Amino acid sequence: MDMPTAPTPPQIGGEINGPGKAYFDHVVTDNIIDALVELSAEVWTTRDRLVILEAVLAERGIDARDAFIAQIFASFMRRTA
C-alpha cells in the first residue's frame, strides 16, 4: 500500500540534484572542496570547544589530561577479591 506523501518544499533537497557550488571545472573536485570546507568547519568548532572546556577545567583546578588519563586507567587500579 502506497503511503501518501506531502510535496517537498523547494528549499529542502535543492542541492541534491542541483548544480552546487562551482570552484573548478570538474564536479568531483568541487565536491571534494565542499567536503573539505565542511570538515574544516567541524574541526574548528571541535577545537574551539576543547579550548573552552580546558579553560573551564583549569579554572576549577582540574587538569584535563590528568583527568582523562585517570579515567581511562582507573580500571587497572581495581583490586580483585
C-alpha atoms as a PDB file:
ATOM      1  CA  MET A   1       0.000   0.000   0.000  1.00  0.00           C
ATOM      2  CA  ASP A   2       1.403   3.378  -1.006  1.00  0.00           C
ATOM      3  CA  MET A   3       1.643   5.971   1.722  1.00  0.00           C
ATOM      4  CA  PRO A   4       0.531   9.481   0.820  1.00  0.00           C
ATOM      5  CA  THR A   5       3.413  11.945   0.755  1.00  0.00           C
ATOM      6  CA  ALA A   6       3.409  15.688   1.005  1.00  0.00           C
ATOM      7  CA  PRO A   7       5.266  17.655  -1.630  1.00  0.00           C
ATOM      8  CA  THR A   8       8.820  18.574  -0.682  1.00  0.00           C
ATOM      9  CA  PRO A   9       9.312  22.293  -0.061  1.00  0.00           C
ATOM     10  CA  PRO A  10      11.630  23.836  -2.661  1.00  0.00           C
ATOM     11  CA  GLN A  11      14.249  24.853  -0.062  1.00  0.00           C
ATOM     12  CA  ILE A  12      14.730  21.242   1.073  1.00  0.00           C
ATOM     13  CA  GLY A  13      16.881  18.976  -1.072  1.00  0.00           C
ATOM     14  CA  GLY A  14      17.506  21.527  -3.795  1.00  0.00           C
ATOM     15  CA  GLU A  15      21.238  20.857  -3.676  1.00  0.00           C
ATOM     16  CA  ILE A  16      20.921  17.090  -4.119  1.00  0.00           C
ATOM     17  CA  ASN A  17      20.416  17.268  -7.848  1.00  0.00           C
ATOM     18  CA  GLY A  18      21.257  20.943  -8.191  1.00  0.00           C
ATOM     19  CA  PRO A  19      24.425  22.360  -9.661  1.00  0.00           C
ATOM     20  CA  GLY A  20      26.026  23.124  -6.278  1.00  0.00           C
ATOM     21  CA  LYS A  21      28.988  25.426  -5.867  1.00  0.00           C
ATOM     22  CA  ALA A  22      31.459  25.631  -8.723  1.00  0.00           C
ATOM     23  CA  TYR A  23      35.097  26.230  -7.812  1.00  0.00           C
ATOM     24  CA  PHE A  24      36.807  24.282 -10.588  1.00  0.00           C
ATOM     25  CA  ASP A  25      35.916  22.788 -13.955  1.00  0.00           C
ATOM     26  CA  HIS A  26      35.328  19.292 -12.610  1.00  0.00           C
ATOM     27  CA  VAL A  27      32.347  18.498 -10.351  1.00  0.00           C
ATOM     28  CA  VAL A  28      34.230  15.832  -8.381  1.00  0.00           C
ATOM     29  CA  THR A  29      36.895  18.362  -7.433  1.00  0.00           C
ATOM     30  CA  ASP A  30      34.161  20.784  -6.375  1.00  0.00           C
ATOM     31  CA  ASN A  31      32.551  18.084  -4.227  1.00  0.00           C
ATOM     32  CA  ILE A  32      35.885  17.314  -2.561  1.00  0.00           C
ATOM     33  CA  ILE A  33      36.414  21.022  -1.850  1.00  0.00           C
ATOM     34  CA  ASP A  34      32.911  21.249  -0.345  1.00  0.00           C
ATOM     35  CA  ALA A  35      33.609  18.237   1.868  1.00  0.00           C
ATOM     36  CA  LEU A  36      36.980  19.672   2.919  1.00  0.00           C
ATOM     37  CA  VAL A  37      35.404  23.020   3.839  1.00  0.00           C
ATOM     38  CA  GLU A  38      32.670  21.295   5.865  1.00  0.00           C
ATOM     39  CA  LEU A  39      35.190  19.064   7.634  1.00  0.00           C
ATOM     40  CA  SER A  40      37.427  22.051   8.382  1.00  0.00           C
ATOM     41  CA  ALA A  41      34.483  23.896   9.929  1.00  0.00           C
ATOM     42  CA  GLU A  42      33.718  20.903  12.148  1.00  0.00           C
ATOM     43  CA  VAL A  43      37.351  20.569  13.252  1.00  0.00           C
ATOM     44  CA  TRP A  44      37.490  24.302  14.018  1.00  0.00           C
ATOM     45  CA  THR A  45      34.329  24.049  16.130  1.00  0.00           C
ATOM     46  CA  THR A  46      35.620  20.991  17.996  1.00  0.00           C
ATOM     47  CA  ARG A  47      38.975  22.625  18.745  1.00  0.00           C
ATOM     48  CA  ASP A  48      37.256  25.813  19.880  1.00  0.00           C
ATOM     49  CA  ARG A  49      35.024  23.845  22.244  1.00  0.00           C
ATOM     50  CA  LEU A  50      38.046  21.931  23.560  1.00  0.00           C
ATOM     51  CA  VAL A  51      39.930  25.150  24.337  1.00  0.00           C
ATOM     52  CA  ILE A  52      36.911  26.486  26.221  1.00  0.00           C
ATOM     53  CA  LEU A  53      36.446  23.208  28.104  1.00  0.00           C
ATOM     54  CA  GLU A  54      40.104  23.071  29.123  1.00  0.00           C
ATOM     55  CA  ALA A  55      39.941  26.698  30.325  1.00  0.00           C
ATOM     56  CA  VAL A  56      36.880  25.952  32.476  1.00  0.00           C
ATOM     57  CA  LEU A  57      38.522  22.840  33.905  1.00  0.00           C
ATOM     58  CA  ALA A  58      41.715  24.789  34.644  1.00  0.00           C
ATOM     59  CA  GLU A  59      39.691  27.448  36.490  1.00  0.00           C
ATOM     60  CA  ARG A  60      38.334  24.646  38.674  1.00  0.00           C
ATOM     61  CA  GLY A  61      41.797  23.225  39.280  1.00  0.00           C
ATOM     62  CA  ILE A  62      41.308  20.180  37.066  1.00  0.00           C
ATOM     63  CA  ASP A  63      43.965  19.219  34.558  1.00  0.00           C
ATOM     64  CA  ALA A  64      42.017  17.823  31.614  1.00  0.00           C
ATOM     65  CA  ARG A  65      44.793  15.469  30.541  1.00  0.00           C
ATOM     66  CA  ASP A  66      45.299  14.086  34.037  1.00  0.00           C
ATOM     67  CA  ALA A  67      41.541  13.551  34.434  1.00  0.00           C
ATOM     68  CA  PHE A  68      41.374  11.849  31.036  1.00  0.00           C
ATOM     69  CA  ILE A  69      44.254   9.507  31.831  1.00  0.00           C
ATOM     70  CA  ALA A  70      42.897   8.761  35.312  1.00  0.00           C
ATOM     71  CA  GLN A  71      39.504   7.865  33.882  1.00  0.00           C
ATOM     72  CA  ILE A  72      40.955   5.549  31.237  1.00  0.00           C
ATOM     73  CA  PHE A  73      43.326   3.735  33.563  1.00  0.00           C
ATOM     74  CA  ALA A  74      41.021   3.621  36.602  1.00  0.00           C
ATOM     75  CA  SER A  75      40.019   0.065  35.767  1.00  0.00           C
ATOM     76  CA  PHE A  76      43.625  -1.059  36.237  1.00  0.00           C
ATOM     77  CA  MET A  77      43.546   0.276  39.801  1.00  0.00           C
ATOM     78  CA  ARG A  78      40.715  -2.037  40.895  1.00  0.00           C
ATOM     79  CA  ARG A  79      41.737  -4.858  43.166  1.00  0.00           C
ATOM     80  CA  THR A  80      40.462  -8.336  42.654  1.00  0.00           C
ATOM     81  CA  ALA A  81      38.893 -10.173  45.579  1.00  0.00           C
END
